[in-house]
Amino acid sequence: ELRTLTGYNHSVMTTVAISPDGKTAVSGSWDKTLKIWDLLSRTEPRTLTDRTGHIEAVAIAPDGKTAVSASSCILKIWDIDSCTSLRTLSGHNNATQAVAIAPDGLIAVSGSWDNTLKIWDLLNGDELITLTGHTDSVFGVAIAPDGLQAVSASSDTTLKVWDLLNGNELKILTGHTKLVQAVAIAPDGLIAVS
C-alpha cells in the first residue's frame, strides 16, 4: 500500500535510508534537518537539527541504532533512539556528498567534492584512510556485502573499486560519458549499477 509521509514544509528532501528491519527511515533535507520516521505507526517524525549545512546523504547502521549523515565538510553520527549527535567526523576539504556504512557497522566510507573518499572508524571517530584517485567530485559510494571493497561514483565519469583494508584502488570502471552520481552493489557483490 502506498503512503505519503509528510513532515517537510518548504524544503527539499535530498536523501533517505531505511533500517535493515524496515521499521525506521531517516531522511535528510536542505533545511539542515534529519527526520526519523516510524514506518509502522506513520506517526509524526522526530527531527534532528544539524546546523552545519544541507544534509546531502545518510546511511543507517546494520543494527538500526545509529545513522551517519553527510553535510558541509563533515559527517555526524546520530543515536536514532535518543535523537542525539554522538560524534562529528571532520576531514574533508569540501562538501561531503555520499556515505555508506559497512555491513559490520564498524566503518563508514564518505565521498566529497574534494575528489576523495575517507574511511572512518565509527567507534572512535578516527579517519583511517584517505582514498585518492578521482579527478573530480565523488557523488556516490557503496560498500560490498563482504565489507572488503567499496565502489565510488564520480563526476570524472568513472567508478572506482577500492580495497577497504589497505585503501588501494583495485579497478577503474569506465563507460559513462557524463558525471556518475550514484552506485549500488548487488547482494551477491558481483554487480554494481550506476
Protein backbone atom coordinates (compact mmCIF):
# COMPACT_ATOMS: atom_id res chain seq x y z
CA GLU A 1 0.00 0.00 0.00
CA LEU A 2 1.35 3.40 -0.98
CA ARG A 3 1.61 6.01 1.78
CA THR A 4 2.88 9.57 1.80
CA LEU A 5 4.98 10.63 4.76
CA THR A 6 4.64 14.33 5.41
CA GLY A 7 6.93 16.42 7.55
CA TYR A 8 8.84 18.83 5.33
CA ASN A 9 7.15 22.14 4.68
CA HIS A 10 9.10 24.13 2.10
CA SER A 11 12.30 22.20 1.87
CA VAL A 12 13.67 19.58 -0.47
CA MET A 13 14.33 16.10 0.90
CA THR A 14 17.72 15.11 -0.54
CA THR A 15 18.35 11.65 0.88
CA VAL A 16 16.66 8.76 2.66
CA ALA A 17 17.74 5.43 4.16
CA ILE A 18 15.67 2.57 5.57
CA SER A 19 16.80 0.46 8.51
CA PRO A 20 17.54 -3.22 7.84
CA ASP A 21 14.42 -4.28 9.76
CA GLY A 22 12.25 -1.98 7.63
CA LYS A 23 10.69 -0.24 10.64
CA THR A 24 12.55 3.08 10.52
CA ALA A 25 13.59 5.54 7.85
CA VAL A 26 15.91 8.51 8.22
CA SER A 27 15.68 11.35 5.71
CA GLY A 28 17.79 14.46 5.22
CA SER A 29 16.95 17.83 3.75
CA TRP A 30 18.23 21.18 2.59
CA ASP A 31 16.66 22.65 5.74
CA LYS A 32 19.58 21.14 7.74
CA THR A 33 17.39 18.54 9.45
CA LEU A 34 17.16 14.81 9.62
CA LYS A 35 13.80 13.24 10.24
CA ILE A 36 13.34 9.84 11.85
CA TRP A 37 10.22 8.11 10.57
CA ASP A 38 8.43 5.21 12.26
CA LEU A 39 7.28 3.35 9.16
CA LEU A 40 4.90 1.10 11.06
CA SER A 41 2.91 3.69 13.01
CA ARG A 42 3.38 6.53 10.49
CA THR A 43 3.42 8.99 13.39
CA GLU A 44 4.87 12.49 13.15
CA PRO A 45 8.62 12.16 12.59
CA ARG A 46 11.22 13.07 15.17
CA THR A 47 13.53 15.84 13.97
CA LEU A 48 17.30 16.18 14.41
CA THR A 49 18.90 19.50 13.55
CA ASP A 50 22.36 19.70 12.02
CA ARG A 51 23.36 23.34 11.89
CA THR A 52 26.44 22.65 9.77
CA GLY A 53 24.68 22.58 6.40
CA HIS A 54 22.33 20.87 3.99
CA ILE A 55 22.05 17.14 4.53
CA GLU A 56 23.35 15.50 1.35
CA ALA A 57 23.50 11.83 2.35
CA VAL A 58 22.50 9.49 5.16
CA ALA A 59 23.12 5.83 6.00
CA ILE A 60 21.77 3.64 8.78
CA ALA A 61 23.99 1.13 10.58
CA PRO A 62 23.09 -2.56 10.22
CA ASP A 63 21.90 -2.70 13.85
CA GLY A 64 19.44 0.14 13.12
CA LYS A 65 20.57 2.08 16.19
CA THR A 66 22.76 4.74 14.61
CA ALA A 67 22.79 6.82 11.45
CA VAL A 68 25.56 8.76 9.75
CA SER A 69 24.75 11.97 7.90
CA ALA A 70 26.87 13.96 5.46
CA SER A 71 26.70 17.75 5.29
CA SER A 72 29.15 20.52 4.52
CA CYS A 73 32.64 19.05 5.06
CA ILE A 74 31.64 16.75 7.91
CA LEU A 75 29.85 13.59 8.91
CA LYS A 76 27.78 13.21 12.06
CA ILE A 77 26.95 10.00 13.88
CA TRP A 78 23.47 10.04 15.41
CA ASP A 79 21.76 7.87 18.01
CA ILE A 80 18.39 7.12 16.44
CA ASP A 81 16.57 6.29 19.70
CA SER A 82 17.68 9.34 21.69
CA CYS A 83 17.85 11.69 18.68
CA THR A 84 21.27 12.94 19.74
CA SER A 85 24.51 13.58 17.91
CA LEU A 86 27.17 11.17 19.20
CA ARG A 87 30.18 12.35 17.26
CA THR A 88 31.32 14.70 14.49
CA LEU A 89 33.82 13.45 11.91
CA SER A 90 35.87 16.14 10.18
CA GLY A 91 38.43 15.70 7.43
CA HIS A 92 37.04 16.56 4.02
CA ASN A 93 38.01 19.91 2.47
CA ASN A 94 34.78 20.40 0.54
CA ALA A 95 31.13 19.32 0.67
CA THR A 96 30.56 15.70 1.66
CA GLN A 97 28.11 14.14 -0.79
CA ALA A 98 27.99 10.43 -0.01
CA VAL A 99 28.22 7.99 2.87
CA ALA A 100 27.91 4.23 3.28
CA ILE A 101 28.28 2.01 6.35
CA ALA A 102 29.97 -1.39 6.19
CA PRO A 103 27.87 -4.50 6.93
CA ASP A 104 29.68 -4.99 10.26
CA GLY A 105 28.78 -1.42 11.31
CA LEU A 106 32.37 -0.65 12.30
CA ILE A 107 33.42 1.63 9.43
CA ALA A 108 31.88 4.19 7.11
CA VAL A 109 33.11 5.49 3.77
CA SER A 110 32.39 9.07 2.72
CA GLY A 111 32.80 10.80 -0.64
CA SER A 112 33.31 14.50 -1.24
CA TRP A 113 33.62 17.35 -3.70
CA ASP A 114 37.30 17.38 -2.67
CA ASN A 115 37.70 14.35 -5.03
CA THR A 116 38.48 11.96 -2.16
CA LEU A 117 36.85 9.23 -0.14
CA LYS A 118 37.62 8.66 3.52
CA ILE A 119 37.33 5.53 5.60
CA TRP A 120 36.19 6.21 9.18
CA ASP A 121 36.24 4.16 12.36
CA LEU A 122 32.71 4.63 13.70
CA LEU A 123 33.56 3.51 17.23
CA ASN A 124 36.16 6.19 17.95
CA GLY A 125 35.65 8.63 15.07
CA ASP A 126 39.14 8.29 13.64
CA GLU A 127 39.86 8.85 9.97
CA LEU A 128 41.59 5.62 8.94
CA ILE A 129 42.49 6.12 5.27
CA THR A 130 42.01 8.73 2.55
CA LEU A 131 41.32 7.26 -0.88
CA THR A 132 42.65 9.38 -3.74
CA GLY A 133 42.42 8.83 -7.46
CA HIS A 134 39.31 10.57 -8.72
CA THR A 135 39.96 13.76 -10.68
CA ASP A 136 36.59 15.33 -9.82
CA SER A 137 33.89 15.26 -7.15
CA VAL A 138 32.73 11.98 -5.61
CA PHE A 139 28.92 11.76 -5.52
CA GLY A 140 28.23 8.17 -4.60
CA VAL A 141 29.68 5.26 -2.67
CA ALA A 142 28.55 1.70 -1.95
CA ILE A 143 30.19 -0.99 0.16
CA ALA A 144 30.20 -4.62 -0.97
CA PRO A 145 28.27 -7.12 1.18
CA ASP A 146 31.53 -8.69 2.40
CA GLY A 147 32.70 -5.27 3.67
CA LEU A 148 36.06 -5.63 1.96
CA GLN A 149 35.55 -3.40 -1.08
CA ALA A 150 33.74 -0.20 -1.99
CA VAL A 151 32.75 1.33 -5.31
CA SER A 152 32.75 5.10 -5.78
CA ALA A 153 30.94 7.20 -8.39
CA SER A 154 32.40 10.47 -9.60
CA SER A 155 31.77 13.42 -11.88
CA ASP A 156 35.05 12.44 -13.58
CA THR A 157 32.78 9.86 -15.37
CA THR A 158 34.38 6.85 -13.66
CA LEU A 159 33.63 4.33 -10.99
CA LYS A 160 36.50 3.06 -8.89
CA VAL A 161 36.73 -0.15 -6.89
CA TRP A 162 38.66 0.18 -3.63
CA ASP A 163 40.18 -2.25 -1.15
CA LEU A 164 38.89 -1.09 2.24
CA LEU A 165 41.61 -2.84 4.22
CA ASN A 166 44.55 -1.00 2.66
CA GLY A 167 42.96 1.80 0.61
CA ASN A 168 44.31 0.59 -2.72
CA GLU A 169 42.47 1.35 -5.93
CA LEU A 170 41.69 -2.06 -7.45
CA LYS A 171 39.92 -1.19 -10.66
CA ILE A 172 38.60 1.71 -12.75
CA LEU A 173 35.22 1.16 -14.39
CA THR A 174 34.59 3.30 -17.47
CA GLY A 175 31.76 3.70 -19.94
CA HIS A 176 29.89 6.74 -18.72
CA THR A 177 30.19 9.92 -20.78
CA LYS A 178 28.88 12.26 -18.10
CA LEU A 179 29.11 12.51 -14.35
CA VAL A 180 28.12 9.50 -12.26
CA GLN A 181 26.02 10.40 -9.23
CA ALA A 182 25.05 7.08 -7.71
CA VAL A 183 26.14 3.47 -7.39
CA ALA A 184 24.66 0.36 -5.81
CA ILE A 185 26.10 -3.13 -5.36
CA ALA A 186 24.02 -6.30 -5.75
CA PRO A 187 23.64 -8.55 -2.67
CA ASP A 188 26.00 -11.13 -4.20
CA GLY A 189 28.70 -8.44 -4.53
CA LEU A 190 29.34 -9.28 -8.17
CA ILE A 191 27.42 -6.50 -9.94
CA ALA A 192 27.50 -2.73 -9.46
CA VAL A 193 24.88 -0.49 -11.06
CA SER A 194 25.44 3.22 -11.72
